[in-house]
Amino acid sequence: MCRNIRTLHNFEPAANDAEIRAAALQYVRKISGSTHPSKANEEVFYRAVDEIAHLTGHLLDDLVTTAPPKDREIEAAKARERAAKRYATS
């Protein structure tokens, strides 16, 4: 899985359209193997991004959980801590 795609479910506030589209773009980039499509593939590339973003929005709207919503700041701090441990120099 692409490291740039972040979990979007069960956050307060909920994921916005820009976050959903960014995740869809990263997904299409990973699947297609290109970060910038050629002119010949540009239309199909961005259509896929739009469709995946649309479906992702529906998925996030329909998912249910009994867990309390996660706090974005706390999760970001945890990620920074994990990264610091992972990339620490001896």
N, C-alpha and C. Protein backbone atom coordinates (compact mmCIF):
# COMPACT_ATOMS: atom_id res chain seq x y z
N MET A 1 0.85 -1.19 0.00
CA MET A 1 0.00 0.00 0.00
C MET A 1 0.89 1.24 0.00
N CYS A 2 0.41 2.24 -0.63
CA CYS A 2 1.16 3.48 -0.73
C CYS A 2 1.24 4.16 0.63
N ARG A 3 2.41 4.55 1.04
CA ARG A 3 2.57 5.17 2.36
C ARG A 3 1.90 6.53 2.47
N ASN A 4 1.66 7.18 1.33
CA ASN A 4 1.06 8.50 1.36
C ASN A 4 -0.46 8.47 1.53
N ILE A 5 -1.07 7.30 1.40
CA ILE A 5 -2.51 7.21 1.60
C ILE A 5 -2.75 7.02 3.09
N ARG A 6 -3.48 7.93 3.67
CA ARG A 6 -3.75 7.93 5.11
C ARG A 6 -5.15 7.41 5.39
N THR A 7 -5.32 6.85 6.57
CA THR A 7 -6.65 6.44 7.01
C THR A 7 -7.53 7.68 7.11
N LEU A 8 -8.73 7.60 6.56
CA LEU A 8 -9.64 8.73 6.56
C LEU A 8 -10.89 8.48 7.41
N HIS A 9 -11.10 7.25 7.80
CA HIS A 9 -12.31 6.89 8.54
C HIS A 9 -12.18 7.18 10.03
N ASN A 10 -13.26 7.62 10.61
CA ASN A 10 -13.43 7.79 12.05
C ASN A 10 -12.53 8.88 12.64
N PHE A 11 -12.46 10.01 11.95
CA PHE A 11 -11.76 11.17 12.49
C PHE A 11 -12.77 12.27 12.76
N GLU A 12 -12.44 13.10 13.71
CA GLU A 12 -13.26 14.27 14.00
C GLU A 12 -12.38 15.50 13.84
N PRO A 13 -12.64 16.40 12.93
CA PRO A 13 -13.74 16.38 11.97
C PRO A 13 -13.50 15.35 10.87
N ALA A 14 -14.58 14.99 10.20
CA ALA A 14 -14.51 13.98 9.15
C ALA A 14 -13.62 14.45 8.00
N ALA A 15 -13.13 13.49 7.23
CA ALA A 15 -12.29 13.82 6.08
C ALA A 15 -13.03 14.73 5.12
N ASN A 16 -12.32 15.70 4.59
CA ASN A 16 -12.94 16.62 3.64
C ASN A 16 -12.68 16.14 2.21
N ASP A 17 -13.30 16.82 1.24
CA ASP A 17 -13.17 16.43 -0.16
C ASP A 17 -11.73 16.46 -0.65
N ALA A 18 -10.96 17.43 -0.19
CA ALA A 18 -9.56 17.54 -0.62
C ALA A 18 -8.74 16.34 -0.14
N GLU A 19 -8.98 15.90 1.09
CA GLU A 19 -8.26 14.73 1.62
C GLU A 19 -8.65 13.47 0.86
N ILE A 20 -9.93 13.34 0.57
CA ILE A 20 -10.42 12.17 -0.17
C ILE A 20 -9.82 12.16 -1.57
N ARG A 21 -9.82 13.30 -2.24
CA ARG A 21 -9.26 13.38 -3.59
C ARG A 21 -7.75 13.10 -3.58
N ALA A 22 -7.04 13.59 -2.58
CA ALA A 22 -5.60 13.33 -2.49
C ALA A 22 -5.32 11.84 -2.34
N ALA A 23 -6.13 11.15 -1.54
CA ALA A 23 -5.96 9.71 -1.38
C ALA A 23 -6.27 8.99 -2.69
N ALA A 24 -7.32 9.42 -3.39
CA ALA A 24 -7.67 8.81 -4.68
C ALA A 24 -6.55 9.03 -5.70
N LEU A 25 -5.97 10.22 -5.71
CA LEU A 25 -4.87 10.51 -6.62
C LEU A 25 -3.67 9.62 -6.33
N GLN A 26 -3.32 9.46 -5.06
CA GLN A 26 -2.20 8.59 -4.69
C GLN A 26 -2.46 7.14 -5.11
N TYR A 27 -3.70 6.71 -4.94
CA TYR A 27 -4.07 5.34 -5.33
C TYR A 27 -3.90 5.15 -6.84
N VAL A 28 -4.43 6.07 -7.63
CA VAL A 28 -4.33 5.96 -9.08
C VAL A 28 -2.87 6.04 -9.53
N ARG A 29 -2.09 6.89 -8.90
CA ARG A 29 -0.67 6.96 -9.22
C ARG A 29 0.02 5.63 -8.96
N LYS A 30 -0.30 5.01 -7.84
CA LYS A 30 0.32 3.74 -7.49
C LYS A 30 -0.08 2.65 -8.47
N ILE A 31 -1.36 2.57 -8.77
CA ILE A 31 -1.87 1.53 -9.66
C ILE A 31 -1.35 1.71 -11.08
N SER A 32 -1.33 2.95 -11.56
CA SER A 32 -0.92 3.21 -12.94
C SER A 32 0.60 3.21 -13.11
N GLY A 33 1.32 3.44 -12.03
CA GLY A 33 2.77 3.47 -12.11
C GLY A 33 3.33 4.79 -12.61
N SER A 34 2.48 5.83 -12.63
CA SER A 34 2.98 7.13 -13.07
C SER A 34 2.42 8.24 -12.19
N THR A 35 3.25 9.24 -11.95
CA THR A 35 2.79 10.37 -11.16
C THR A 35 2.13 11.43 -12.02
N HIS A 36 2.55 11.49 -13.28
CA HIS A 36 1.96 12.44 -14.23
C HIS A 36 1.63 11.67 -15.50
N PRO A 37 0.35 11.56 -15.83
CA PRO A 37 -0.01 10.80 -17.03
C PRO A 37 0.41 11.53 -18.30
N SER A 38 0.62 10.75 -19.35
CA SER A 38 0.91 11.35 -20.65
C SER A 38 -0.37 12.02 -21.16
N LYS A 39 -0.23 12.85 -22.16
CA LYS A 39 -1.40 13.52 -22.75
C LYS A 39 -2.41 12.48 -23.23
N ALA A 40 -1.93 11.36 -23.74
CA ALA A 40 -2.83 10.31 -24.25
C ALA A 40 -3.64 9.67 -23.13
N ASN A 41 -3.09 9.63 -21.92
CA ASN A 41 -3.76 8.98 -20.79
C ASN A 41 -4.33 9.95 -19.78
N GLU A 42 -4.16 11.22 -19.98
CA GLU A 42 -4.57 12.22 -19.00
C GLU A 42 -6.07 12.15 -18.66
N GLU A 43 -6.91 12.05 -19.66
CA GLU A 43 -8.35 12.04 -19.43
C GLU A 43 -8.77 10.82 -18.61
N VAL A 44 -8.30 9.65 -18.99
CA VAL A 44 -8.69 8.43 -18.27
C VAL A 44 -8.11 8.42 -16.86
N PHE A 45 -6.89 8.96 -16.70
CA PHE A 45 -6.24 9.03 -15.40
C PHE A 45 -7.08 9.86 -14.43
N TYR A 46 -7.44 11.07 -14.84
CA TYR A 46 -8.19 11.96 -13.94
C TYR A 46 -9.64 11.54 -13.78
N ARG A 47 -10.19 10.86 -14.78
CA ARG A 47 -11.53 10.31 -14.61
C ARG A 47 -11.52 9.22 -13.53
N ALA A 48 -10.46 8.41 -13.52
CA ALA A 48 -10.33 7.39 -12.49
C ALA A 48 -10.20 8.03 -11.11
N VAL A 49 -9.42 9.10 -11.01
CA VAL A 49 -9.27 9.81 -9.73
C VAL A 49 -10.64 10.31 -9.26
N ASP A 50 -11.40 10.92 -10.16
CA ASP A 50 -12.72 11.44 -9.81
C ASP A 50 -13.66 10.34 -9.34
N GLU A 51 -13.67 9.22 -10.07
CA GLU A 51 -14.57 8.12 -9.72
C GLU A 51 -14.19 7.48 -8.39
N ILE A 52 -12.90 7.29 -8.17
CA ILE A 52 -12.44 6.69 -6.91
C ILE A 52 -12.72 7.63 -5.74
N ALA A 53 -12.52 8.92 -5.94
CA ALA A 53 -12.82 9.89 -4.88
C ALA A 53 -14.31 9.86 -4.55
N HIS A 54 -15.14 9.78 -5.58
CA HIS A 54 -16.60 9.74 -5.38
C HIS A 54 -16.99 8.49 -4.58
N LEU A 55 -16.48 7.35 -4.98
CA LEU A 55 -16.81 6.10 -4.28
C LEU A 55 -16.23 6.08 -2.86
N THR A 56 -15.07 6.65 -2.69
CA THR A 56 -14.47 6.72 -1.35
C THR A 56 -15.33 7.56 -0.42
N GLY A 57 -15.86 8.66 -0.94
CA GLY A 57 -16.76 9.50 -0.15
C GLY A 57 -17.98 8.72 0.32
N HIS A 58 -18.56 7.91 -0.59
CA HIS A 58 -19.70 7.08 -0.22
C HIS A 58 -19.30 6.04 0.83
N LEU A 59 -18.14 5.43 0.64
CA LEU A 59 -17.66 4.43 1.61
C LEU A 59 -17.53 5.05 2.99
N LEU A 60 -16.88 6.19 3.07
CA LEU A 60 -16.68 6.84 4.37
C LEU A 60 -18.00 7.24 5.01
N ASP A 61 -18.97 7.67 4.18
CA ASP A 61 -20.28 8.04 4.71
C ASP A 61 -21.04 6.84 5.26
N ASP A 62 -20.81 5.67 4.66
CA ASP A 62 -21.59 4.48 5.02
C ASP A 62 -20.95 3.62 6.10
N LEU A 63 -19.66 3.76 6.34
CA LEU A 63 -19.01 2.96 7.37
C LEU A 63 -19.53 3.34 8.76
N VAL A 64 -19.69 2.33 9.61
CA VAL A 64 -20.12 2.58 10.98
C VAL A 64 -19.09 1.98 11.94
N THR A 65 -19.00 2.57 13.11
CA THR A 65 -18.08 2.07 14.13
C THR A 65 -18.62 2.45 15.50
N THR A 66 -18.23 1.67 16.48
CA THR A 66 -18.59 2.00 17.86
C THR A 66 -17.41 2.68 18.57
N ALA A 67 -16.27 2.73 17.89
CA ALA A 67 -15.08 3.36 18.48
C ALA A 67 -15.25 4.88 18.49
N PRO A 68 -14.71 5.52 19.49
CA PRO A 68 -14.79 6.99 19.51
C PRO A 68 -13.94 7.57 18.37
N PRO A 69 -14.31 8.73 17.84
CA PRO A 69 -13.53 9.34 16.77
C PRO A 69 -12.11 9.64 17.22
N LYS A 70 -11.18 9.50 16.28
CA LYS A 70 -9.78 9.79 16.56
C LYS A 70 -9.52 11.28 16.39
N ASP A 71 -8.57 11.77 17.15
CA ASP A 71 -8.17 13.17 17.08
C ASP A 71 -7.00 13.29 16.11
N ARG A 72 -7.11 14.18 15.14
CA ARG A 72 -6.07 14.32 14.12
C ARG A 72 -4.71 14.72 14.71
N GLU A 73 -4.72 15.59 15.69
CA GLU A 73 -3.46 16.05 16.29
C GLU A 73 -2.76 14.92 17.04
N ILE A 74 -3.52 14.14 17.77
CA ILE A 74 -2.94 13.02 18.51
C ILE A 74 -2.36 11.98 17.56
N GLU A 75 -3.11 11.66 16.49
CA GLU A 75 -2.63 10.69 15.51
C GLU A 75 -1.39 11.20 14.78
N ALA A 76 -1.34 12.49 14.49
CA ALA A 76 -0.16 13.07 13.84
C ALA A 76 1.06 13.00 14.77
N ALA A 77 0.85 13.24 16.04
CA ALA A 77 1.94 13.14 17.01
C ALA A 77 2.46 11.71 17.10
N LYS A 78 1.55 10.75 17.09
CA LYS A 78 1.97 9.34 17.12
C LYS A 78 2.77 8.99 15.88
N ALA A 79 2.35 9.49 14.72
CA ALA A 79 3.07 9.22 13.47
C ALA A 79 4.46 9.84 13.51
N ARG A 80 4.57 11.06 14.03
CA ARG A 80 5.89 11.69 14.15
C ARG A 80 6.80 10.88 15.07
N GLU A 81 6.24 10.38 16.15
CA GLU A 81 7.03 9.58 17.10
C GLU A 81 7.51 8.28 16.44
N ARG A 82 6.61 7.62 15.69
CA ARG A 82 7.02 6.40 14.99
C ARG A 82 8.12 6.70 13.97
N ALA A 83 7.97 7.80 13.24
CA ALA A 83 8.97 8.17 12.24
C ALA A 83 10.30 8.48 12.90
N ALA A 84 10.28 9.15 14.04
CA ALA A 84 11.52 9.48 14.75
C ALA A 84 12.25 8.20 15.17
N LYS A 85 11.49 7.22 15.64
CA LYS A 85 12.11 5.95 16.02
C LYS A 85 12.64 5.20 14.80
N ARG A 86 11.87 5.23 13.71
CA ARG A 86 12.25 4.51 12.51
C ARG A 86 13.51 5.08 11.89
N TYR A 87 13.62 6.40 11.87
CA TYR A 87 14.73 7.05 11.19
C TYR A 87 15.81 7.58 12.13
N ALA A 88 15.77 7.17 13.38
CA ALA A 88 16.78 7.61 14.35
C ALA A 88 18.15 7.08 13.93
N THR A 89 19.15 7.90 14.14
CA THR A 89 20.52 7.49 13.84
C THR A 89 21.19 7.03 15.11
N SER A 90 22.03 6.04 14.97
CA SER A 90 22.72 5.48 16.14
C SER A 90 23.97 6.25 16.45
